[in-house]
C-alpha atoms as a PDB file:
ATOM      1  CA  MET A   1      60.211 206.627 -39.167  1.00  0.00           C
ATOM      2  CA  ALA A   2      59.723 210.002 -40.866  1.00  0.00           C
ATOM      3  CA  GLU A   3      61.536 208.696 -43.965  1.00  0.00           C
ATOM      4  CA  LYS A   4      59.041 205.831 -44.208  1.00  0.00           C
ATOM      5  CA  LYS A   5      56.078 208.221 -44.153  1.00  0.00           C
ATOM      6  CA  GLN A   6      57.677 210.484 -46.778  1.00  0.00           C
ATOM      7  CA  ASP A   7      58.392 207.508 -49.030  1.00  0.00           C
ATOM      8  CA  LEU A   8      54.813 206.262 -48.842  1.00  0.00           C
ATOM      9  CA  GLN A   9      53.345 209.740 -49.458  1.00  0.00           C
ATOM     10  CA  ALA A  10      55.436 210.355 -52.593  1.00  0.00           C
ATOM     11  CA  GLY A  11      52.737 208.982 -54.900  1.00  0.00           C
ATOM     12  CA  PRO A  12      50.079 206.315 -55.352  1.00  0.00           C
ATOM     13  CA  LEU A  13      51.069 202.882 -54.075  1.00  0.00           C
ATOM     14  CA  TYR A  14      51.051 199.777 -56.251  1.00  0.00           C
ATOM     15  CA  TRP A  15      51.707 196.081 -55.883  1.00  0.00           C
ATOM     16  CA  VAL A  16      54.792 195.415 -57.953  1.00  0.00           C
ATOM     17  CA  ARG A  17      55.892 191.940 -59.005  1.00  0.00           C
ATOM     18  CA  ILE A  18      59.496 191.514 -60.096  1.00  0.00           C
ATOM     19  CA  THR A  19      60.176 188.213 -61.857  1.00  0.00           C
ATOM     20  CA  LEU A  20      63.819 187.226 -62.238  1.00  0.00           C
ATOM     21  CA  THR A  21      64.716 184.482 -64.733  1.00  0.00           C
ATOM     22  CA  SER A  22      68.069 182.856 -65.454  1.00  0.00           C
ATOM     23  CA  ALA A  23      69.738 179.642 -66.530  1.00  0.00           C
ATOM     24  CA  ALA A  24      72.393 180.062 -63.818  1.00  0.00           C
ATOM     25  CA  VAL A  25      71.486 179.951 -60.127  1.00  0.00           C
ATOM     26  CA  LYS A  26      74.300 181.984 -58.513  1.00  0.00           C
ATOM     27  CA  PRO A  27      73.785 185.240 -60.469  1.00  0.00           C
ATOM     28  CA  LEU A  28      70.027 184.878 -59.986  1.00  0.00           C
ATOM     29  CA  GLU A  29      70.346 184.527 -56.205  1.00  0.00           C
ATOM     30  CA  LYS A  30      72.778 187.461 -56.073  1.00  0.00           C
ATOM     31  CA  VAL A  31      70.411 189.788 -57.959  1.00  0.00           C
ATOM     32  CA  ALA A  32      67.455 188.664 -55.810  1.00  0.00           C
ATOM     33  CA  GLU A  33      69.384 189.387 -52.611  1.00  0.00           C
ATOM     34  CA  ASP A  34      70.504 192.794 -53.970  1.00  0.00           C
ATOM     35  CA  VAL A  35      66.907 193.803 -54.725  1.00  0.00           C
ATOM     36  CA  LYS A  36      65.833 192.534 -51.301  1.00  0.00           C
ATOM     37  CA  ALA A  37      68.563 194.546 -49.553  1.00  0.00           C
ATOM     38  CA  ARG A  38      67.661 197.721 -51.473  1.00  0.00           C
ATOM     39  CA  ALA A  39      63.978 197.278 -50.574  1.00  0.00           C
ATOM     40  CA  LYS A  40      64.849 196.877 -46.890  1.00  0.00           C
ATOM     41  CA  ASP A  41      66.986 200.034 -47.026  1.00  0.00           C
ATOM     42  CA  LYS A  42      63.946 201.957 -48.293  1.00  0.00           C
ATOM     43  CA  ASN A  43      61.597 200.386 -45.681  1.00  0.00           C
ATOM     44  CA  LEU A  44      59.270 198.749 -48.229  1.00  0.00           C
ATOM     45  CA  LYS A  45      56.918 195.840 -47.730  1.00  0.00           C
ATOM     46  CA  LEU A  46      58.549 192.883 -49.447  1.00  0.00           C
ATOM     47  CA  LYS A  47      57.594 189.255 -49.978  1.00  0.00           C
ATOM     48  CA  GLY A  48      60.217 187.004 -51.424  1.00  0.00           C
ATOM     49  CA  PRO A  49      62.322 185.973 -53.148  1.00  0.00           C
ATOM     50  CA  ILE A  50      59.885 183.132 -53.819  1.00  0.00           C
ATOM     51  CA  ARG A  51      61.439 180.203 -55.670  1.00  0.00           C
ATOM     52  CA  LEU A  52      59.322 178.858 -58.502  1.00  0.00           C
ATOM     53  CA  PRO A  53      59.769 175.307 -59.842  1.00  0.00           C
ATOM     54  CA  THR A  54      62.678 174.830 -62.238  1.00  0.00           C
ATOM     55  CA  LYS A  55      61.734 174.206 -65.860  1.00  0.00           C
ATOM     56  CA  THR A  56      63.922 171.727 -67.708  1.00  0.00           C
ATOM     57  CA  LEU A  57      64.067 172.044 -71.492  1.00  0.00           C
ATOM     58  CA  ARG A  58      65.269 168.809 -73.115  1.00  0.00           C
ATOM     59  CA  ILE A  59      66.371 168.065 -76.669  1.00  0.00           C
ATOM     60  CA  THR A  60      67.332 164.581 -77.861  1.00  0.00           C
ATOM     61  CA  THR A  61      68.963 164.350 -81.294  1.00  0.00           C
ATOM     62  CA  ARG A  62      70.936 161.886 -83.393  1.00  0.00           C
ATOM     63  CA  LYS A  63      74.729 162.304 -83.417  1.00  0.00           C
ATOM     64  CA  THR A  64      75.151 161.496 -87.100  1.00  0.00           C
ATOM     65  CA  PRO A  65      73.695 164.038 -89.547  1.00  0.00           C
ATOM     66  CA  CYS A  66      73.207 161.536 -92.391  1.00  0.00           C
ATOM     67  CA  GLY A  67      71.436 158.838 -90.378  1.00  0.00           C
ATOM     68  CA  GLU A  68      73.939 156.090 -91.166  1.00  0.00           C
ATOM     69  CA  GLY A  69      76.149 154.266 -88.686  1.00  0.00           C
ATOM     70  CA  SER A  70      75.301 153.205 -85.176  1.00  0.00           C
ATOM     71  CA  LYS A  71      72.244 154.791 -83.688  1.00  0.00           C
ATOM     72  CA  THR A  72      73.788 157.068 -81.069  1.00  0.00           C
ATOM     73  CA  TRP A  73      71.963 159.961 -79.496  1.00  0.00           C
ATOM     74  CA  ASP A  74      72.932 163.252 -77.832  1.00  0.00           C
ATOM     75  CA  ARG A  75      70.826 164.545 -74.963  1.00  0.00           C
ATOM     76  CA  PHE A  76      70.924 168.243 -74.140  1.00  0.00           C
ATOM     77  CA  GLN A  77      69.094 170.075 -71.416  1.00  0.00           C
ATOM     78  CA  MET A  78      68.807 173.618 -70.135  1.00  0.00           C
ATOM     79  CA  ARG A  79      67.331 174.500 -66.751  1.00  0.00           C
ATOM     80  CA  ILE A  80      65.414 177.739 -66.265  1.00  0.00           C
ATOM     81  CA  HIS A  81      65.260 179.078 -62.701  1.00  0.00           C
ATOM     82  CA  LYS A  82      62.800 181.759 -61.545  1.00  0.00           C
ATOM     83  CA  ARG A  83      62.472 183.979 -58.469  1.00  0.00           C
ATOM     84  CA  VAL A  84      59.535 186.273 -57.702  1.00  0.00           C
ATOM     85  CA  LEU A  85      59.615 189.346 -55.450  1.00  0.00           C
ATOM     86  CA  ASP A  86      56.435 191.208 -54.479  1.00  0.00           C
ATOM     87  CA  LEU A  87      56.727 194.845 -53.365  1.00  0.00           C
ATOM     88  CA  TYR A  88      54.220 197.420 -52.186  1.00  0.00           C
ATOM     89  CA  SER A  89      55.468 200.865 -53.222  1.00  0.00           C
ATOM     90  CA  ASN A  90      55.155 203.726 -55.679  1.00  0.00           C
ATOM     91  CA  SER A  91      56.495 203.541 -59.239  1.00  0.00           C
ATOM     92  CA  GLU A  92      59.440 205.916 -58.664  1.00  0.00           C
ATOM     93  CA  THR A  93      60.841 203.714 -55.915  1.00  0.00           C
ATOM     94  CA  VAL A  94      60.580 200.623 -58.120  1.00  0.00           C
ATOM     95  CA  GLN A  95      62.545 202.393 -60.841  1.00  0.00           C
ATOM     96  CA  GLN A  96      65.270 203.190 -58.327  1.00  0.00           C
ATOM     97  CA  LEU A  97      65.372 199.547 -57.193  1.00  0.00           C
ATOM     98  CA  THR A  98      65.663 198.124 -60.704  1.00  0.00           C
ATOM     99  CA  LEU A  99      67.815 200.819 -62.345  1.00  0.00           C
ATOM    100  CA  TYR A 100      71.131 199.344 -61.274  1.00  0.00           C
ATOM    101  CA  ASP A 101      73.209 197.015 -63.443  1.00  0.00           C
ATOM    102  CA  LEU A 102      71.814 193.504 -63.504  1.00  0.00           C
ATOM    103  CA  ASP A 103      73.944 190.514 -64.289  1.00  0.00           C
ATOM    104  CA  PRO A 104      73.769 189.871 -68.069  1.00  0.00           C
ATOM    105  CA  MET A 105      72.604 186.297 -67.400  1.00  0.00           C
ATOM    106  CA  VAL A 106      69.548 187.459 -65.411  1.00  0.00           C
ATOM    107  CA  ARG A 107      66.381 188.725 -67.049  1.00  0.00           C
ATOM    108  CA  ALA A 108      64.074 190.930 -64.973  1.00  0.00           C
ATOM    109  CA  GLU A 109      60.407 191.542 -65.682  1.00  0.00           C
ATOM    110  CA  VAL A 110      58.511 194.192 -63.703  1.00  0.00           C
ATOM    111  CA  LYS A 111      54.717 194.087 -63.517  1.00  0.00           C
ATOM    112  CA  ILE A 112      52.788 196.879 -61.758  1.00  0.00           C
ATOM    113  CA  GLU A 113      49.248 196.229 -60.575  1.00  0.00           C
END
């Protein structure tokens, strides 16, 4: 309990929103769970990971570059998955949470309010 009070008195407290984005679900879930576990170890208030709706980017293009031949089409799509974590802590603690090696497929964005 004393550690919790020391952590909260270390500096001004902020609401911190960590947005994780990836095209692959497994690395994204792993990073989200790692951040959640680290926040629980430091006794922080945490909400999340909140799953946001998946965005699907679609491209439809002709197979033949010249335009001749049968009219066949290729359809490509990429899905973008997002997770949001909300923390209530000071800025030093957030740096410690996010300073470890992220998976190269996961992009993290930290917003402090």
